[in-house]
Amino acid sequence: MDLTQGTREEKNSRAKKMMLWFGIVSLIMSFAGWTSAFVVSSSRPDWLKDFVLPNAFIISTVVIIISSITFILAKRALKSGNHKATMLWLVATLILGCVFIFNQFSGFRQIIDLGYNFTGPTSNVTMSYIYLIAIVHILHVVVGLICLLVVIYNHFKQKYTKDKMLGLELAGTFWHFIDILWVYLFLFLYFVR
């Protein structure tokens, strides 16, 4: 396929999708670096080997998986021309994203209640990594929520149709990426001691 061919709109769409994928690849590299550092640091003598992730992280994992499903349902509803259902599923995705963040902070509270802080005399290198990885992921979920708000606003203004949904597709790609990323991070933190 010749990328120079097509209408201006098609070229614009391809360029935006490509830029999103460049961003996603850079995020993958960043998180790969942090999880690699986690593995290397696990040989330290002060590393916590028996720490179990808080239950709130398990709940947030289930919530974020469900949010991906609601986003898929929103896209299907838009493709079938059901604007009301599209709005319902988009708002449900937004609410689930907020519930995810709430559960993440509940998990942090559980870690603090166990006596581990991010820094200071009650900190531990294991907990610092867990805080860092989870907080940076939360920041990306916040970006995803902002994208969702823009998509909801644009859908309310009827800017999307079944043939014209680039913004929704871009937001969906990013949302599914941060969902898959959290599942990977959760499994990594759960099984890698």
Protein backbone atom coordinates (compact mmCIF):
# COMPACT_ATOMS: atom_id res chain seq x y z
CA MET A 1 0.00 0.00 0.00
CA ASP A 2 1.33 3.40 -0.99
CA LEU A 3 0.96 5.65 2.05
CA THR A 4 1.06 8.75 -0.16
CA GLN A 5 -2.17 7.77 -1.90
CA GLY A 6 -5.68 8.50 -0.70
CA THR A 7 -7.69 11.51 0.26
CA ARG A 8 -6.41 14.11 2.67
CA GLU A 9 -8.72 12.67 5.34
CA GLU A 10 -7.34 9.14 4.83
CA LYS A 11 -3.76 10.39 5.08
CA ASN A 12 -4.63 12.36 8.23
CA SER A 13 -6.25 9.28 9.76
CA ARG A 14 -3.20 7.10 8.99
CA ALA A 15 -0.84 9.72 10.43
CA LYS A 16 -2.81 10.01 13.69
CA LYS A 17 -2.97 6.23 14.10
CA MET A 18 0.78 5.95 13.43
CA MET A 19 1.58 8.65 16.01
CA LEU A 20 -0.56 6.85 18.58
CA TRP A 21 1.33 3.62 17.94
CA PHE A 22 4.68 5.41 18.29
CA GLY A 23 3.50 6.66 21.68
CA ILE A 24 2.32 3.20 22.72
CA VAL A 25 5.65 1.63 21.74
CA SER A 26 7.52 4.23 23.79
CA LEU A 27 5.29 3.47 26.79
CA ILE A 28 5.92 -0.25 26.36
CA MET A 29 9.66 0.44 26.41
CA SER A 30 9.34 2.56 29.57
CA PHE A 31 7.37 -0.06 31.47
CA ALA A 32 9.68 -2.81 30.19
CA GLY A 33 12.58 -0.84 31.68
CA TRP A 34 10.85 -0.47 35.05
CA THR A 35 9.83 -4.12 35.23
CA SER A 36 13.36 -5.15 34.21
CA ALA A 37 14.78 -2.99 37.00
CA PHE A 38 12.29 -4.67 39.36
CA VAL A 39 13.65 -8.11 38.38
CA VAL A 40 17.29 -7.01 38.72
CA SER A 41 16.62 -5.38 42.11
CA SER A 42 14.86 -8.48 43.43
CA SER A 43 18.27 -10.01 44.21
CA ARG A 44 18.93 -7.35 46.85
CA PRO A 45 19.12 -8.59 50.44
CA ASP A 46 16.45 -6.08 51.58
CA TRP A 47 13.95 -7.20 48.93
CA LEU A 48 10.52 -8.31 50.25
CA LYS A 49 9.92 -11.81 48.94
CA ASP A 50 6.73 -12.65 50.81
CA PHE A 51 4.71 -9.50 50.06
CA VAL A 52 1.22 -10.12 48.67
CA LEU A 53 -0.51 -7.44 46.59
CA PRO A 54 -3.57 -5.90 48.24
CA ASN A 55 -7.02 -7.20 47.29
CA ALA A 56 -7.89 -3.75 45.92
CA PHE A 57 -5.43 -4.39 43.06
CA ILE A 58 -7.27 -7.60 42.18
CA ILE A 59 -10.60 -5.74 42.15
CA SER A 60 -9.13 -2.95 40.01
CA THR A 61 -7.88 -5.56 37.52
CA VAL A 62 -11.39 -6.97 37.11
CA VAL A 63 -12.82 -3.43 36.80
CA ILE A 64 -10.39 -2.40 34.07
CA ILE A 65 -11.08 -5.57 32.07
CA ILE A 66 -14.81 -4.82 32.25
CA SER A 67 -14.09 -1.24 31.10
CA SER A 68 -12.50 -2.60 27.92
CA ILE A 69 -15.64 -4.63 27.28
CA THR A 70 -17.87 -1.56 27.75
CA PHE A 71 -15.70 0.39 25.29
CA ILE A 72 -16.07 -2.40 22.73
CA LEU A 73 -19.85 -2.31 23.28
CA ALA A 74 -19.81 1.48 22.73
CA LYS A 75 -18.03 1.06 19.41
CA ARG A 76 -20.45 -1.69 18.33
CA ALA A 77 -23.42 0.49 19.28
CA LEU A 78 -22.04 3.38 17.22
CA LYS A 79 -21.48 1.09 14.23
CA SER A 80 -25.11 -0.01 14.45
CA GLY A 81 -26.26 3.61 14.65
CA ASN A 82 -27.53 3.43 18.23
CA HIS A 83 -26.31 6.76 19.61
CA LYS A 84 -28.07 6.40 22.95
CA ALA A 85 -26.45 3.03 23.69
CA THR A 86 -23.09 4.40 22.54
CA MET A 87 -23.35 7.21 25.08
CA LEU A 88 -24.41 4.78 27.80
CA TRP A 89 -21.41 2.48 27.19
CA LEU A 90 -18.97 5.40 26.95
CA VAL A 91 -20.17 6.82 30.27
CA ALA A 92 -20.00 3.32 31.81
CA THR A 93 -16.37 3.07 30.62
CA LEU A 94 -15.60 6.47 32.15
CA ILE A 95 -17.15 5.46 35.49
CA LEU A 96 -15.26 2.16 35.50
CA GLY A 97 -12.02 4.04 34.83
CA CYS A 98 -12.70 6.21 37.89
CA VAL A 99 -13.52 3.10 39.95
CA PHE A 100 -10.19 1.61 38.82
CA ILE A 101 -8.29 4.64 40.11
CA PHE A 102 -10.24 4.58 43.38
CA ASN A 103 -9.30 0.93 43.88
CA GLN A 104 -5.66 1.66 43.11
CA PHE A 105 -5.57 4.28 45.86
CA SER A 106 -7.36 1.82 48.17
CA GLY A 107 -4.52 -0.58 47.43
CA PHE A 108 -1.99 2.11 48.32
CA ARG A 109 -3.87 2.68 51.59
CA GLN A 110 -3.64 -1.05 52.35
CA ILE A 111 0.12 -0.97 51.67
CA ILE A 112 0.55 2.06 53.95
CA ASP A 113 -1.54 0.33 56.64
CA LEU A 114 0.98 -2.52 56.47
CA GLY A 115 3.67 0.04 57.32
CA TYR A 116 5.23 0.62 53.88
CA ASN A 117 5.50 4.12 52.43
CA PHE A 118 6.89 5.31 49.11
CA THR A 119 9.88 7.02 50.73
CA GLY A 120 11.31 7.65 54.15
CA PRO A 121 12.29 5.39 57.03
CA THR A 122 9.26 3.11 56.56
CA SER A 123 9.86 2.65 52.85
CA ASN A 124 11.31 -0.37 51.14
CA VAL A 125 12.79 -0.72 47.66
CA THR A 126 10.14 -3.32 46.76
CA MET A 127 7.32 -0.98 47.73
CA SER A 128 8.95 1.96 45.97
CA TYR A 129 8.92 0.00 42.71
CA ILE A 130 5.28 -1.02 43.21
CA TYR A 131 4.28 2.58 43.96
CA LEU A 132 6.24 3.90 40.96
CA ILE A 133 4.84 1.40 38.48
CA ALA A 134 1.24 1.77 39.72
CA ILE A 135 1.33 5.59 39.93
CA VAL A 136 2.78 6.00 36.43
CA HIS A 137 0.08 3.65 35.14
CA ILE A 138 -2.60 5.67 36.97
CA LEU A 139 -1.33 8.81 35.22
CA HIS A 140 -1.90 7.08 31.89
CA VAL A 141 -5.38 6.03 32.96
CA VAL A 142 -6.08 9.70 33.75
CA VAL A 143 -4.97 10.55 30.19
CA GLY A 144 -7.34 7.81 28.97
CA LEU A 145 -10.17 9.34 31.02
CA ILE A 146 -9.50 12.74 29.46
CA CYS A 147 -9.64 11.12 26.01
CA LEU A 148 -12.93 9.49 27.00
CA LEU A 149 -14.34 12.84 28.09
CA VAL A 150 -13.41 14.31 24.70
CA VAL A 151 -15.02 11.34 22.92
CA ILE A 152 -18.18 11.67 25.04
CA TYR A 153 -18.35 15.40 24.26
CA ASN A 154 -17.81 14.80 20.53
CA HIS A 155 -20.40 12.04 20.52
CA PHE A 156 -22.85 14.35 22.30
CA LYS A 157 -22.21 16.91 19.53
CA GLN A 158 -22.91 14.08 17.02
CA LYS A 159 -19.45 14.24 15.42
CA TYR A 160 -19.22 10.45 15.08
CA THR A 161 -21.04 8.20 12.67
CA LYS A 162 -20.55 4.55 11.78
CA ASP A 163 -18.35 5.69 8.88
CA LYS A 164 -16.56 8.49 10.72
CA MET A 165 -15.24 7.52 14.14
CA LEU A 166 -11.51 8.21 14.14
CA GLY A 167 -11.48 9.92 17.56
CA LEU A 168 -13.38 7.05 19.14
CA GLU A 169 -11.05 4.51 17.51
CA LEU A 170 -7.92 6.32 18.72
CA ALA A 171 -9.28 6.63 22.26
CA GLY A 172 -10.32 2.97 22.15
CA THR A 173 -6.87 1.83 21.07
CA PHE A 174 -5.24 3.79 23.89
CA TRP A 175 -7.83 2.60 26.44
CA HIS A 176 -7.37 -1.06 25.49
CA PHE A 177 -3.61 -0.59 25.65
CA ILE A 178 -3.66 0.78 29.21
CA ASP A 179 -6.04 -2.03 30.18
CA ILE A 180 -3.75 -4.73 28.76
CA LEU A 181 -0.76 -2.94 30.30
CA TRP A 182 -2.34 -3.09 33.78
CA VAL A 183 -3.18 -6.79 33.41
CA TYR A 184 0.48 -7.41 32.48
CA LEU A 185 1.73 -5.25 35.38
CA PHE A 186 -0.62 -6.92 37.86
CA LEU A 187 0.43 -10.42 36.79
CA PHE A 188 4.07 -9.34 36.83
CA LEU A 189 3.86 -7.86 40.32
CA TYR A 190 1.79 -10.80 41.56
CA PHE A 191 4.05 -13.59 40.28
CA VAL A 192 7.54 -12.03 40.17
CA ARG A 193 8.89 -11.92 43.71
